[in-house]
Amino acid sequence: MDGGMKCVAEYNKLVKVEKVTATTLDAAGHVDKTAAASWATYGTAWCAVQSKGGREFWKVDLVAADVSHVWRTQYTTEAAAITPQMRIVWESKTYEVLSVIDIDLAHNEIEIQTRREL
């Protein structure tokens, strides 16, 4: 997956998109998302990023974090197929995918909303 280079100055971060594999299971038989072996490369994309500053809020008695970073990339079928079961890796930092949006349903640009993983 190559997000293309609509504008080199705009899409200046080459990110790796990873998907979960079922190779590493925890004691309960669930996929261990903390194990590196549980992730495989889905593809790469050139992106622009905007930090959102993240905050925590109460949601139905659970603490949940807001979107911390928004990544934009040129529309491709591979980028449009990114799901919340995937993650973005950039400079050894991981970002949980929260939602993927085809901006204005125009098939020009994809917005990927993420939360920084600790």
N, C-alpha and C. Protein backbone atom coordinates (compact mmCIF):
# COMPACT_ATOMS: atom_id res chain seq x y z
N MET A 1 0.86 -1.17 0.00
CA MET A 1 0.00 0.00 0.00
C MET A 1 0.89 1.22 0.00
N ASP A 2 0.78 2.04 -0.96
CA ASP A 2 1.55 3.27 -1.02
C ASP A 2 0.56 4.41 -1.12
N GLY A 3 0.52 5.28 -0.12
CA GLY A 3 -0.43 6.37 -0.06
C GLY A 3 -0.21 7.43 -1.12
N GLY A 4 0.83 7.29 -1.94
CA GLY A 4 1.08 8.26 -2.99
C GLY A 4 1.71 9.53 -2.46
N MET A 5 1.99 10.46 -3.37
CA MET A 5 2.60 11.72 -2.99
C MET A 5 1.87 12.86 -3.65
N LYS A 6 0.64 13.12 -3.23
CA LYS A 6 -0.14 14.22 -3.77
C LYS A 6 0.63 15.52 -3.65
N CYS A 7 1.24 15.73 -2.49
CA CYS A 7 2.07 16.89 -2.24
C CYS A 7 3.14 16.47 -1.24
N VAL A 8 4.38 16.41 -1.65
CA VAL A 8 5.45 15.91 -0.80
C VAL A 8 5.51 16.69 0.52
N ALA A 9 5.34 18.00 0.47
CA ALA A 9 5.39 18.81 1.68
C ALA A 9 4.24 18.48 2.62
N GLU A 10 3.10 18.10 2.07
CA GLU A 10 1.92 17.80 2.90
C GLU A 10 2.00 16.40 3.50
N TYR A 11 2.26 15.41 2.70
CA TYR A 11 2.34 14.03 3.16
C TYR A 11 3.81 13.70 3.41
N ASN A 12 4.30 14.07 4.59
CA ASN A 12 5.74 13.98 4.85
C ASN A 12 6.13 12.94 5.90
N LYS A 13 5.20 12.10 6.33
CA LYS A 13 5.49 11.05 7.31
C LYS A 13 5.18 9.70 6.66
N LEU A 14 6.21 8.86 6.53
CA LEU A 14 5.99 7.52 6.00
C LEU A 14 5.65 6.61 7.18
N VAL A 15 4.41 6.14 7.23
CA VAL A 15 3.95 5.31 8.35
C VAL A 15 3.75 3.88 7.89
N LYS A 16 3.84 2.98 8.85
CA LYS A 16 3.55 1.57 8.61
C LYS A 16 2.20 1.27 9.24
N VAL A 17 1.35 0.60 8.51
CA VAL A 17 0.06 0.16 9.03
C VAL A 17 0.19 -1.33 9.31
N GLU A 18 -0.18 -1.73 10.53
CA GLU A 18 -0.09 -3.14 10.91
C GLU A 18 -1.46 -3.70 11.22
N LYS A 19 -1.62 -5.00 10.96
CA LYS A 19 -2.87 -5.69 11.28
C LYS A 19 -2.56 -6.82 12.25
N VAL A 20 -3.56 -7.20 13.02
CA VAL A 20 -3.41 -8.27 14.00
C VAL A 20 -3.37 -9.61 13.30
N THR A 21 -2.47 -10.48 13.78
CA THR A 21 -2.44 -11.87 13.34
C THR A 21 -2.81 -12.71 14.55
N ALA A 22 -3.17 -13.92 14.34
CA ALA A 22 -3.59 -14.78 15.46
C ALA A 22 -2.47 -15.70 15.91
N THR A 23 -1.22 -15.29 15.72
CA THR A 23 -0.12 -16.19 16.03
C THR A 23 0.22 -16.25 17.52
N THR A 24 -0.02 -15.20 18.26
CA THR A 24 0.35 -15.18 19.68
C THR A 24 -0.91 -15.06 20.52
N LEU A 25 -1.17 -16.07 21.34
CA LEU A 25 -2.36 -16.07 22.20
C LEU A 25 -1.95 -15.94 23.65
N ASP A 26 -2.79 -15.28 24.45
CA ASP A 26 -2.52 -15.18 25.88
C ASP A 26 -3.06 -16.44 26.58
N ALA A 27 -2.96 -16.47 27.91
CA ALA A 27 -3.37 -17.65 28.68
C ALA A 27 -4.85 -17.99 28.48
N ALA A 28 -5.67 -16.99 28.19
CA ALA A 28 -7.10 -17.22 28.00
C ALA A 28 -7.44 -17.60 26.55
N GLY A 29 -6.43 -17.65 25.69
CA GLY A 29 -6.67 -18.02 24.29
C GLY A 29 -7.03 -16.86 23.39
N HIS A 30 -6.90 -15.62 23.90
CA HIS A 30 -7.18 -14.43 23.09
C HIS A 30 -5.88 -13.95 22.44
N VAL A 31 -6.00 -13.24 21.34
CA VAL A 31 -4.82 -12.68 20.68
C VAL A 31 -4.16 -11.69 21.62
N ASP A 32 -2.86 -11.86 21.84
CA ASP A 32 -2.08 -10.97 22.72
C ASP A 32 -1.59 -9.79 21.88
N LYS A 33 -2.31 -8.66 21.96
CA LYS A 33 -1.96 -7.49 21.15
C LYS A 33 -0.71 -6.77 21.66
N THR A 34 -0.20 -7.17 22.83
CA THR A 34 1.03 -6.56 23.34
C THR A 34 2.27 -7.25 22.79
N ALA A 35 2.12 -8.42 22.20
CA ALA A 35 3.26 -9.16 21.65
C ALA A 35 3.53 -8.71 20.21
N ALA A 36 4.80 -8.42 19.92
CA ALA A 36 5.18 -7.98 18.57
C ALA A 36 4.79 -9.01 17.51
N ALA A 37 4.85 -10.29 17.87
CA ALA A 37 4.52 -11.36 16.92
C ALA A 37 3.04 -11.37 16.54
N SER A 38 2.21 -10.64 17.28
CA SER A 38 0.78 -10.58 16.99
C SER A 38 0.45 -9.61 15.86
N TRP A 39 1.45 -8.89 15.36
CA TRP A 39 1.22 -7.87 14.34
C TRP A 39 2.01 -8.17 13.08
N ALA A 40 1.40 -7.92 11.93
CA ALA A 40 2.06 -8.07 10.64
C ALA A 40 1.83 -6.79 9.84
N THR A 41 2.76 -6.46 8.97
CA THR A 41 2.63 -5.24 8.16
C THR A 41 1.51 -5.40 7.14
N TYR A 42 0.58 -4.46 7.14
CA TYR A 42 -0.49 -4.39 6.15
C TYR A 42 -0.01 -3.58 4.94
N GLY A 43 0.73 -2.51 5.23
CA GLY A 43 1.25 -1.67 4.16
C GLY A 43 1.88 -0.41 4.71
N THR A 44 2.30 0.48 3.82
CA THR A 44 2.85 1.77 4.22
C THR A 44 2.09 2.87 3.49
N ALA A 45 2.16 4.07 4.04
CA ALA A 45 1.49 5.21 3.41
C ALA A 45 2.20 6.49 3.80
N TRP A 46 2.26 7.43 2.87
CA TRP A 46 2.74 8.77 3.19
C TRP A 46 1.56 9.54 3.76
N CYS A 47 1.77 10.14 4.93
CA CYS A 47 0.69 10.83 5.63
C CYS A 47 1.10 12.21 6.11
N ALA A 48 0.11 13.04 6.33
CA ALA A 48 0.26 14.28 7.10
C ALA A 48 -0.35 13.98 8.45
N VAL A 49 0.15 14.58 9.51
CA VAL A 49 -0.37 14.31 10.85
C VAL A 49 -0.67 15.61 11.57
N GLN A 50 -1.71 15.56 12.40
CA GLN A 50 -2.06 16.69 13.25
C GLN A 50 -2.29 16.16 14.65
N SER A 51 -1.57 16.73 15.61
CA SER A 51 -1.76 16.35 17.01
C SER A 51 -3.02 17.01 17.54
N LYS A 52 -3.79 16.25 18.31
CA LYS A 52 -5.04 16.77 18.86
C LYS A 52 -4.95 17.03 20.36
N GLY A 53 -3.87 16.61 21.00
CA GLY A 53 -3.69 16.91 22.41
C GLY A 53 -4.39 15.97 23.36
N GLY A 54 -5.17 15.04 22.90
CA GLY A 54 -5.83 14.02 23.71
C GLY A 54 -6.25 14.43 25.11
N ARG A 55 -7.31 13.90 25.57
CA ARG A 55 -7.78 14.11 26.93
C ARG A 55 -8.58 12.88 27.33
N GLU A 56 -8.80 12.72 28.61
CA GLU A 56 -9.61 11.60 29.06
C GLU A 56 -10.99 12.09 29.49
N PHE A 57 -11.99 11.25 29.35
CA PHE A 57 -13.35 11.60 29.76
C PHE A 57 -14.05 10.33 30.24
N TRP A 58 -15.12 10.51 31.01
CA TRP A 58 -15.90 9.37 31.51
C TRP A 58 -16.97 9.03 30.50
N LYS A 59 -17.05 7.77 30.15
CA LYS A 59 -18.04 7.30 29.18
C LYS A 59 -18.61 6.00 29.71
N VAL A 60 -19.87 6.03 30.16
CA VAL A 60 -20.56 4.87 30.69
C VAL A 60 -19.68 4.14 31.71
N ASP A 61 -19.22 4.87 32.70
CA ASP A 61 -18.41 4.34 33.80
C ASP A 61 -17.06 3.81 33.39
N LEU A 62 -16.59 4.14 32.21
CA LEU A 62 -15.25 3.76 31.76
C LEU A 62 -14.48 5.02 31.41
N VAL A 63 -13.19 5.02 31.67
CA VAL A 63 -12.36 6.13 31.24
C VAL A 63 -11.88 5.81 29.84
N ALA A 64 -12.13 6.73 28.91
CA ALA A 64 -11.71 6.54 27.52
C ALA A 64 -10.93 7.77 27.07
N ALA A 65 -10.00 7.58 26.18
CA ALA A 65 -9.19 8.70 25.68
C ALA A 65 -9.74 9.19 24.35
N ASP A 66 -9.66 10.48 24.15
CA ASP A 66 -10.02 11.10 22.88
C ASP A 66 -8.99 10.77 21.81
N VAL A 67 -9.28 11.20 20.63
CA VAL A 67 -8.33 11.12 19.52
C VAL A 67 -7.11 11.97 19.87
N SER A 68 -5.91 11.40 19.73
CA SER A 68 -4.70 12.18 20.01
C SER A 68 -4.01 12.66 18.74
N HIS A 69 -4.17 11.92 17.64
CA HIS A 69 -3.54 12.29 16.37
C HIS A 69 -4.48 11.95 15.21
N VAL A 70 -4.50 12.83 14.22
CA VAL A 70 -5.26 12.59 13.00
C VAL A 70 -4.27 12.53 11.84
N TRP A 71 -4.30 11.42 11.12
CA TRP A 71 -3.41 11.19 9.98
C TRP A 71 -4.24 11.32 8.73
N ARG A 72 -3.72 11.99 7.71
CA ARG A 72 -4.39 12.11 6.42
C ARG A 72 -3.48 11.53 5.34
N THR A 73 -4.07 10.80 4.43
CA THR A 73 -3.32 10.21 3.32
C THR A 73 -4.19 10.23 2.07
N GLN A 74 -3.54 10.13 0.93
CA GLN A 74 -4.26 10.09 -0.33
C GLN A 74 -5.13 8.83 -0.37
N TYR A 75 -6.31 8.94 -0.94
CA TYR A 75 -7.23 7.81 -1.04
C TYR A 75 -6.65 6.72 -1.92
N THR A 76 -6.64 5.50 -1.39
CA THR A 76 -6.39 4.28 -2.17
C THR A 76 -7.36 3.25 -1.61
N THR A 77 -7.60 2.19 -2.34
CA THR A 77 -8.50 1.15 -1.82
C THR A 77 -7.90 0.51 -0.57
N GLU A 78 -6.56 0.41 -0.52
CA GLU A 78 -5.90 -0.16 0.67
C GLU A 78 -6.08 0.76 1.88
N ALA A 79 -5.93 2.06 1.68
CA ALA A 79 -6.10 3.00 2.79
C ALA A 79 -7.56 3.01 3.27
N ALA A 80 -8.48 2.92 2.33
CA ALA A 80 -9.90 2.91 2.69
C ALA A 80 -10.28 1.65 3.45
N ALA A 81 -9.49 0.58 3.32
CA ALA A 81 -9.78 -0.69 3.98
C ALA A 81 -9.15 -0.79 5.38
N ILE A 82 -8.45 0.24 5.83
CA ILE A 82 -7.90 0.25 7.20
C ILE A 82 -9.06 0.22 8.18
N THR A 83 -8.91 -0.54 9.26
CA THR A 83 -9.98 -0.71 10.24
C THR A 83 -9.47 -0.44 11.65
N PRO A 84 -10.37 -0.30 12.62
CA PRO A 84 -9.95 -0.12 14.02
C PRO A 84 -9.24 -1.35 14.61
N GLN A 85 -9.18 -2.45 13.90
CA GLN A 85 -8.42 -3.60 14.37
C GLN A 85 -6.94 -3.47 13.99
N MET A 86 -6.59 -2.38 13.33
CA MET A 86 -5.22 -2.14 12.89
C MET A 86 -4.58 -1.04 13.74
N ARG A 87 -3.29 -0.78 13.48
CA ARG A 87 -2.60 0.30 14.16
C ARG A 87 -1.60 0.92 13.21
N ILE A 88 -1.19 2.15 13.55
CA ILE A 88 -0.16 2.87 12.79
C ILE A 88 1.11 2.88 13.62
N VAL A 89 2.25 2.66 12.95
CA VAL A 89 3.55 2.75 13.61
C VAL A 89 4.36 3.81 12.89
N TRP A 90 4.88 4.76 13.65
CA TRP A 90 5.74 5.81 13.10
C TRP A 90 6.82 6.11 14.11
N GLU A 91 8.06 6.06 13.68
CA GLU A 91 9.22 6.31 14.54
C GLU A 91 9.15 5.50 15.84
N SER A 92 8.85 4.22 15.72
CA SER A 92 8.78 3.27 16.85
C SER A 92 7.66 3.59 17.84
N LYS A 93 6.76 4.47 17.50
CA LYS A 93 5.60 4.77 18.35
C LYS A 93 4.38 4.17 17.68
N THR A 94 3.47 3.65 18.49
CA THR A 94 2.27 3.03 17.94
C THR A 94 1.03 3.86 18.26
N TYR A 95 0.09 3.83 17.34
CA TYR A 95 -1.14 4.59 17.43
C TYR A 95 -2.31 3.67 17.11
N GLU A 96 -3.22 3.53 18.04
CA GLU A 96 -4.40 2.70 17.86
C GLU A 96 -5.37 3.39 16.91
N VAL A 97 -5.81 2.70 15.89
CA VAL A 97 -6.77 3.26 14.94
C VAL A 97 -8.16 3.25 15.59
N LEU A 98 -8.78 4.43 15.65
CA LEU A 98 -10.13 4.56 16.22
C LEU A 98 -11.19 4.63 15.14
N SER A 99 -10.91 5.35 14.06
CA SER A 99 -11.86 5.43 12.95
C SER A 99 -11.13 5.83 11.67
N VAL A 100 -11.74 5.49 10.54
CA VAL A 100 -11.20 5.79 9.23
C VAL A 100 -12.31 6.44 8.42
N ILE A 101 -12.02 7.61 7.86
CA ILE A 101 -13.06 8.39 7.19
C ILE A 101 -12.61 8.76 5.78
N ASP A 102 -13.46 8.50 4.80
CA ASP A 102 -13.26 8.97 3.43
C ASP A 102 -13.81 10.41 3.42
N ILE A 103 -12.92 11.39 3.43
CA ILE A 103 -13.32 12.80 3.56
C ILE A 103 -14.31 13.17 2.46
N ASP A 104 -15.47 13.66 2.88
CA ASP A 104 -16.56 14.08 1.99
C ASP A 104 -17.00 12.99 1.02
N LEU A 105 -16.66 11.74 1.30
CA LEU A 105 -16.98 10.61 0.43
C LEU A 105 -16.53 10.86 -1.01
N ALA A 106 -15.44 11.62 -1.14
CA ALA A 106 -14.97 12.03 -2.46
C ALA A 106 -13.90 11.11 -3.04
N HIS A 107 -13.42 10.14 -2.26
CA HIS A 107 -12.36 9.22 -2.70
C HIS A 107 -11.09 9.97 -3.10
N ASN A 108 -10.80 11.09 -2.38
CA ASN A 108 -9.57 11.85 -2.62
C ASN A 108 -8.60 11.70 -1.46
N GLU A 109 -9.14 11.71 -0.24
CA GLU A 109 -8.28 11.68 0.95
C GLU A 109 -8.95 10.88 2.06
N ILE A 110 -8.12 10.14 2.79
CA ILE A 110 -8.57 9.35 3.93
C ILE A 110 -8.05 10.00 5.20
N GLU A 111 -8.91 10.10 6.21
CA GLU A 111 -8.51 10.58 7.53
C GLU A 111 -8.56 9.41 8.50
N ILE A 112 -7.46 9.20 9.22
CA ILE A 112 -7.37 8.11 10.18
C ILE A 112 -7.22 8.72 11.56
N GLN A 113 -8.22 8.55 12.40
CA GLN A 113 -8.18 9.09 13.76
C GLN A 113 -7.58 8.04 14.68
N THR A 114 -6.59 8.45 15.48
CA THR A 114 -5.86 7.48 16.31
C THR A 114 -5.69 8.00 17.74
N ARG A 115 -5.29 7.07 18.58
CA ARG A 115 -4.92 7.37 19.97
C ARG A 115 -3.53 6.77 20.18
N ARG A 116 -2.62 7.57 20.72
CA ARG A 116 -1.24 7.12 20.99
C ARG A 116 -1.26 6.03 22.04
N GLU A 117 -0.62 4.90 21.75
CA GLU A 117 -0.50 3.80 22.71
C GLU A 117 0.73 4.05 23.57
N LEU A 118 0.62 3.69 24.82
CA LEU A 118 1.76 3.86 25.74
C LEU A 118 2.57 2.62 25.88
